[in-house]
């Protein structure tokens, strides 16, 4: 079996977006997926766009099937990442996003262009700029398009959203 081509770090918003748009399997088939353990613990269900019904999520089944790799940062690693990001004028990010950024900061070669941090949270995207990791910030729309999914997505999943928040992150970094 061929190795999937890229590594995607997903936050809860990106996972929900893929599930709600019935694009989850396209991500699983097209990418190596790493999801922070904090995020996996948070995502228990989503609401189907077609039926409006609540659909339970079995994240352990994803891990057991090899669809997802769970990443867990130590408390010290997570605290270090949060310390680098959280300033009075900095973005406030959730711990799950901080855990994904910790993975990027500690486990990924900064020159690796095959790694993507996919988030639907503007503050988390801004944090990539503060950590000199903005080249990893990608939108769900682009990573799905690369594996053949081309249906329109909500604005928070599009390139313009990511680009705007990367610029805002750089602007915050310049005020240090």
C-alpha atoms as a PDB file:
ATOM      1  CA  UNK A   1       0.000   0.000   0.000  1.00  0.00           C
ATOM      2  CA  UNK A   2       1.394   3.402  -0.968  1.00  0.00           C
ATOM      3  CA  UNK A   3       1.978   5.942   1.757  1.00  0.00           C
ATOM      4  CA  UNK A   4      -0.494   8.801   1.700  1.00  0.00           C
ATOM      5  CA  UNK A   5       1.201  11.934   0.429  1.00  0.00           C
ATOM      6  CA  UNK A   6       0.843  14.597   3.095  1.00  0.00           C
ATOM      7  CA  UNK A   7       0.323  15.148   6.754  1.00  0.00           C
ATOM      8  CA  UNK A   8      -2.669  17.189   7.849  1.00  0.00           C
ATOM      9  CA  UNK A   9      -3.167  18.478  11.356  1.00  0.00           C
ATOM     10  CA  UNK A  10      -6.837  19.170  11.847  1.00  0.00           C
ATOM     11  CA  UNK A  11      -8.614  21.172  14.501  1.00  0.00           C
ATOM     12  CA  UNK A  12     -12.203  20.467  15.525  1.00  0.00           C
ATOM     13  CA  UNK A  13     -13.647  23.003  13.080  1.00  0.00           C
ATOM     14  CA  UNK A  14     -11.895  21.393  10.114  1.00  0.00           C
ATOM     15  CA  UNK A  15     -13.010  17.915  11.189  1.00  0.00           C
ATOM     16  CA  UNK A  16     -16.609  19.097  11.536  1.00  0.00           C
ATOM     17  CA  UNK A  17     -16.421  20.835   8.157  1.00  0.00           C
ATOM     18  CA  UNK A  18     -15.232  17.677   6.418  1.00  0.00           C
ATOM     19  CA  UNK A  19     -17.878  15.558   8.133  1.00  0.00           C
ATOM     20  CA  UNK A  20     -20.715  18.010   7.501  1.00  0.00           C
ATOM     21  CA  UNK A  21     -19.818  18.217   3.801  1.00  0.00           C
ATOM     22  CA  UNK A  22     -19.480  14.430   3.514  1.00  0.00           C
ATOM     23  CA  UNK A  23     -15.803  14.843   2.616  1.00  0.00           C
ATOM     24  CA  UNK A  24     -14.243  12.993   5.555  1.00  0.00           C
ATOM     25  CA  UNK A  25     -13.472   9.849   3.574  1.00  0.00           C
ATOM     26  CA  UNK A  26     -11.750  11.929   0.881  1.00  0.00           C
ATOM     27  CA  UNK A  27      -9.404  13.287   3.574  1.00  0.00           C
ATOM     28  CA  UNK A  28      -8.799   9.824   5.020  1.00  0.00           C
ATOM     29  CA  UNK A  29      -8.029   8.379   1.582  1.00  0.00           C
ATOM     30  CA  UNK A  30      -5.864  11.275   0.463  1.00  0.00           C
ATOM     31  CA  UNK A  31      -3.813  12.230   3.488  1.00  0.00           C
ATOM     32  CA  UNK A  32      -2.062  11.072   6.588  1.00  0.00           C
ATOM     33  CA  UNK A  33      -4.197  12.683   9.298  1.00  0.00           C
ATOM     34  CA  UNK A  34      -2.917  13.713  12.702  1.00  0.00           C
ATOM     35  CA  UNK A  35      -5.446  15.054  15.166  1.00  0.00           C
ATOM     36  CA  UNK A  36      -4.545  16.259  18.662  1.00  0.00           C
ATOM     37  CA  UNK A  37      -5.895  14.076  21.464  1.00  0.00           C
ATOM     38  CA  UNK A  38      -7.585  17.111  22.998  1.00  0.00           C
ATOM     39  CA  UNK A  39      -9.529  17.632  19.754  1.00  0.00           C
ATOM     40  CA  UNK A  40     -10.409  13.943  19.506  1.00  0.00           C
ATOM     41  CA  UNK A  41     -11.856  14.124  23.018  1.00  0.00           C
ATOM     42  CA  UNK A  42     -13.940  17.190  22.096  1.00  0.00           C
ATOM     43  CA  UNK A  43     -15.526  15.954  18.886  1.00  0.00           C
ATOM     44  CA  UNK A  44     -18.343  13.667  19.943  1.00  0.00           C
ATOM     45  CA  UNK A  45     -20.955  14.371  17.252  1.00  0.00           C
ATOM     46  CA  UNK A  46     -21.871  16.625  14.362  1.00  0.00           C
ATOM     47  CA  UNK A  47     -25.144  17.624  12.727  1.00  0.00           C
ATOM     48  CA  UNK A  48     -25.748  16.388   9.188  1.00  0.00           C
ATOM     49  CA  UNK A  49     -26.303  19.202   6.673  1.00  0.00           C
ATOM     50  CA  UNK A  50     -28.698  16.998   4.682  1.00  0.00           C
ATOM     51  CA  UNK A  51     -30.875  15.573   7.443  1.00  0.00           C
ATOM     52  CA  UNK A  52     -30.283  17.932  10.362  1.00  0.00           C
ATOM     53  CA  UNK A  53     -29.776  14.856  12.543  1.00  0.00           C
ATOM     54  CA  UNK A  54     -27.108  14.456  15.161  1.00  0.00           C
ATOM     55  CA  UNK A  55     -24.486  11.882  14.134  1.00  0.00           C
ATOM     56  CA  UNK A  56     -22.227  10.391  16.784  1.00  0.00           C
ATOM     57  CA  UNK A  57     -18.476  10.229  16.111  1.00  0.00           C
ATOM     58  CA  UNK A  58     -16.376   7.261  17.220  1.00  0.00           C
ATOM     59  CA  UNK A  59     -12.880   8.728  17.146  1.00  0.00           C
ATOM     60  CA  UNK A  60     -11.394   5.592  18.681  1.00  0.00           C
ATOM     61  CA  UNK A  61     -12.615   3.640  15.637  1.00  0.00           C
ATOM     62  CA  UNK A  62     -10.727   6.130  13.423  1.00  0.00           C
ATOM     63  CA  UNK A  63      -7.551   5.486  15.397  1.00  0.00           C
ATOM     64  CA  UNK A  64      -8.063   1.708  15.444  1.00  0.00           C
ATOM     65  CA  UNK A  65      -8.616   1.663  11.662  1.00  0.00           C
ATOM     66  CA  UNK A  66      -5.448   3.672  11.070  1.00  0.00           C
ATOM     67  CA  UNK A  67      -7.402   6.564   9.566  1.00  0.00           C
ATOM     68  CA  UNK A  68      -6.102   8.999  12.180  1.00  0.00           C
ATOM     69  CA  UNK A  69      -2.996   9.306  14.299  1.00  0.00           C
ATOM     70  CA  UNK A  70      -3.657  10.832  17.718  1.00  0.00           C
ATOM     71  CA  UNK A  71      -0.990  13.237  18.970  1.00  0.00           C
ATOM     72  CA  UNK A  72      -0.614  14.094  22.620  1.00  0.00           C
ATOM     73  CA  UNK A  73       1.713  16.844  23.781  1.00  0.00           C
ATOM     74  CA  UNK A  74       3.100  16.837  27.291  1.00  0.00           C
ATOM     75  CA  UNK A  75       1.818  19.480  29.686  1.00  0.00           C
ATOM     76  CA  UNK A  76       5.184  21.261  29.490  1.00  0.00           C
ATOM     77  CA  UNK A  77       5.239  21.239  25.677  1.00  0.00           C
ATOM     78  CA  UNK A  78       1.697  22.591  25.541  1.00  0.00           C
ATOM     79  CA  UNK A  79       2.486  25.294  28.104  1.00  0.00           C
ATOM     80  CA  UNK A  80       5.551  26.340  26.118  1.00  0.00           C
ATOM     81  CA  UNK A  81       3.498  26.736  22.940  1.00  0.00           C
ATOM     82  CA  UNK A  82       0.819  28.721  24.732  1.00  0.00           C
ATOM     83  CA  UNK A  83       3.473  30.957  26.292  1.00  0.00           C
ATOM     84  CA  UNK A  84       4.874  31.733  22.829  1.00  0.00           C
ATOM     85  CA  UNK A  85       1.435  32.675  21.501  1.00  0.00           C
ATOM     86  CA  UNK A  86      -0.602  34.136  24.338  1.00  0.00           C
ATOM     87  CA  UNK A  87       0.214  37.781  24.827  1.00  0.00           C
ATOM     88  CA  UNK A  88      -2.102  40.649  25.723  1.00  0.00           C
ATOM     89  CA  UNK A  89      -2.527  41.474  22.015  1.00  0.00           C
ATOM     90  CA  UNK A  90      -2.177  37.893  20.774  1.00  0.00           C
ATOM     91  CA  UNK A  91      -4.798  35.480  19.548  1.00  0.00           C
ATOM     92  CA  UNK A  92      -6.563  33.338  22.129  1.00  0.00           C
ATOM     93  CA  UNK A  93      -6.480  29.761  20.963  1.00  0.00           C
ATOM     94  CA  UNK A  94      -8.010  26.608  22.367  1.00  0.00           C
ATOM     95  CA  UNK A  95      -5.874  23.861  23.859  1.00  0.00           C
ATOM     96  CA  UNK A  96      -6.625  21.478  20.981  1.00  0.00           C
ATOM     97  CA  UNK A  97      -5.290  23.971  18.462  1.00  0.00           C
ATOM     98  CA  UNK A  98      -2.331  24.648  20.740  1.00  0.00           C
ATOM     99  CA  UNK A  99      -1.640  20.904  20.768  1.00  0.00           C
ATOM    100  CA  UNK A 100      -1.618  20.863  16.936  1.00  0.00           C
ATOM    101  CA  UNK A 101       0.720  23.864  16.891  1.00  0.00           C
ATOM    102  CA  UNK A 102       2.935  22.078  19.414  1.00  0.00           C
ATOM    103  CA  UNK A 103       3.183  19.153  17.009  1.00  0.00           C
ATOM    104  CA  UNK A 104       4.204  21.529  14.225  1.00  0.00           C
ATOM    105  CA  UNK A 105       6.694  23.306  16.451  1.00  0.00           C
ATOM    106  CA  UNK A 106       8.372  20.158  17.782  1.00  0.00           C
ATOM    107  CA  UNK A 107       7.821  17.306  15.335  1.00  0.00           C
ATOM    108  CA  UNK A 108       7.922  18.820  11.848  1.00  0.00           C
ATOM    109  CA  UNK A 109      10.906  20.039   9.872  1.00  0.00           C
ATOM    110  CA  UNK A 110      10.178  23.735   9.235  1.00  0.00           C
ATOM    111  CA  UNK A 111      11.200  23.284   5.579  1.00  0.00           C
ATOM    112  CA  UNK A 112       8.640  20.515   4.993  1.00  0.00           C
ATOM    113  CA  UNK A 113       6.062  21.932   2.605  1.00  0.00           C
ATOM    114  CA  UNK A 114       3.968  18.752   2.649  1.00  0.00           C
ATOM    115  CA  UNK A 115       2.565  19.478   6.081  1.00  0.00           C
ATOM    116  CA  UNK A 116      -0.655  21.412   6.539  1.00  0.00           C
ATOM    117  CA  UNK A 117      -2.372  22.872   9.584  1.00  0.00           C
ATOM    118  CA  UNK A 118      -6.052  23.010   8.651  1.00  0.00           C
ATOM    119  CA  UNK A 119      -8.195  25.136  10.911  1.00  0.00           C
ATOM    120  CA  UNK A 120     -11.454  27.014  10.749  1.00  0.00           C
ATOM    121  CA  UNK A 121     -10.403  29.217  13.681  1.00  0.00           C
ATOM    122  CA  UNK A 122      -8.903  32.599  12.845  1.00  0.00           C
ATOM    123  CA  UNK A 123      -6.934  32.869  16.088  1.00  0.00           C
ATOM    124  CA  UNK A 124      -5.249  29.502  15.524  1.00  0.00           C
ATOM    125  CA  UNK A 125      -4.300  30.533  11.997  1.00  0.00           C
ATOM    126  CA  UNK A 126      -2.889  33.808  13.322  1.00  0.00           C
ATOM    127  CA  UNK A 127      -0.803  31.788  15.772  1.00  0.00           C
ATOM    128  CA  UNK A 128       0.951  30.033  12.873  1.00  0.00           C
ATOM    129  CA  UNK A 129       2.400  33.397  11.855  1.00  0.00           C
ATOM    130  CA  UNK A 130       3.548  34.125  15.417  1.00  0.00           C
ATOM    131  CA  UNK A 131       5.389  30.784  15.459  1.00  0.00           C
ATOM    132  CA  UNK A 132       6.923  31.213  11.972  1.00  0.00           C
ATOM    133  CA  UNK A 133       4.731  28.346  10.738  1.00  0.00           C
ATOM    134  CA  UNK A 134       2.364  30.280   8.472  1.00  0.00           C
ATOM    135  CA  UNK A 135       3.471  28.251   5.452  1.00  0.00           C
ATOM    136  CA  UNK A 136       1.611  25.300   7.019  1.00  0.00           C
ATOM    137  CA  UNK A 137      -1.734  27.130   7.303  1.00  0.00           C
ATOM    138  CA  UNK A 138      -4.070  25.713   4.666  1.00  0.00           C
ATOM    139  CA  UNK A 139      -7.784  25.892   4.115  1.00  0.00           C
ATOM    140  CA  UNK A 140     -10.065  22.888   4.063  1.00  0.00           C
ATOM    141  CA  UNK A 141     -11.291  23.856   0.599  1.00  0.00           C
ATOM    142  CA  UNK A 142      -7.787  23.548  -0.924  1.00  0.00           C
ATOM    143  CA  UNK A 143      -6.835  20.278   0.755  1.00  0.00           C
ATOM    144  CA  UNK A 144     -10.154  18.756  -0.310  1.00  0.00           C
ATOM    145  CA  UNK A 145      -9.785  20.062  -3.880  1.00  0.00           C
ATOM    146  CA  UNK A 146      -6.403  18.321  -4.080  1.00  0.00           C
ATOM    147  CA  UNK A 147      -8.153  14.977  -3.526  1.00  0.00           C
ATOM    148  CA  UNK A 148     -11.005  15.662  -5.930  1.00  0.00           C
ATOM    149  CA  UNK A 149     -13.682  17.216  -3.702  1.00  0.00           C
ATOM    150  CA  UNK A 150     -14.888  20.425  -5.332  1.00  0.00           C
ATOM    151  CA  UNK A 151     -18.228  21.319  -3.754  1.00  0.00           C
ATOM    152  CA  UNK A 152     -18.444  24.843  -2.314  1.00  0.00           C
ATOM    153  CA  UNK A 153     -17.673  25.265   1.372  1.00  0.00           C
ATOM    154  CA  UNK A 154     -18.542  27.933   3.937  1.00  0.00           C
ATOM    155  CA  UNK A 155     -16.274  31.013   4.053  1.00  0.00           C
ATOM    156  CA  UNK A 156     -14.356  29.842   7.151  1.00  0.00           C
ATOM    157  CA  UNK A 157     -13.077  26.866   5.107  1.00  0.00           C
ATOM    158  CA  UNK A 158     -11.800  28.950   2.167  1.00  0.00           C
ATOM    159  CA  UNK A 159      -8.384  30.322   1.219  1.00  0.00           C
ATOM    160  CA  UNK A 160      -9.378  33.974   1.743  1.00  0.00           C
ATOM    161  CA  UNK A 161     -10.171  33.256   5.410  1.00  0.00           C
ATOM    162  CA  UNK A 162      -6.769  31.642   5.990  1.00  0.00           C
ATOM    163  CA  UNK A 163      -4.869  34.349   4.117  1.00  0.00           C
ATOM    164  CA  UNK A 164      -6.607  37.122   6.068  1.00  0.00           C
ATOM    165  CA  UNK A 165      -5.772  35.536   9.399  1.00  0.00           C
ATOM    166  CA  UNK A 166      -2.156  34.840   8.442  1.00  0.00           C
ATOM    167  CA  UNK A 167      -1.804  38.559   7.601  1.00  0.00           C
ATOM    168  CA  UNK A 168      -3.369  39.480  10.951  1.00  0.00           C
ATOM    169  CA  UNK A 169      -0.967  37.119  12.719  1.00  0.00           C
ATOM    170  CA  UNK A 170       2.003  38.745  11.031  1.00  0.00           C
ATOM    171  CA  UNK A 171       0.687  42.183  11.987  1.00  0.00           C
ATOM    172  CA  UNK A 172       0.444  41.063  15.633  1.00  0.00           C
ATOM    173  CA  UNK A 173       3.982  39.684  15.460  1.00  0.00           C
ATOM    174  CA  UNK A 174       5.333  43.013  14.213  1.00  0.00           C
ATOM    175  CA  UNK A 175       3.911  44.737  17.319  1.00  0.00           C
ATOM    176  CA  UNK A 176       5.964  42.601  19.709  1.00  0.00           C
END
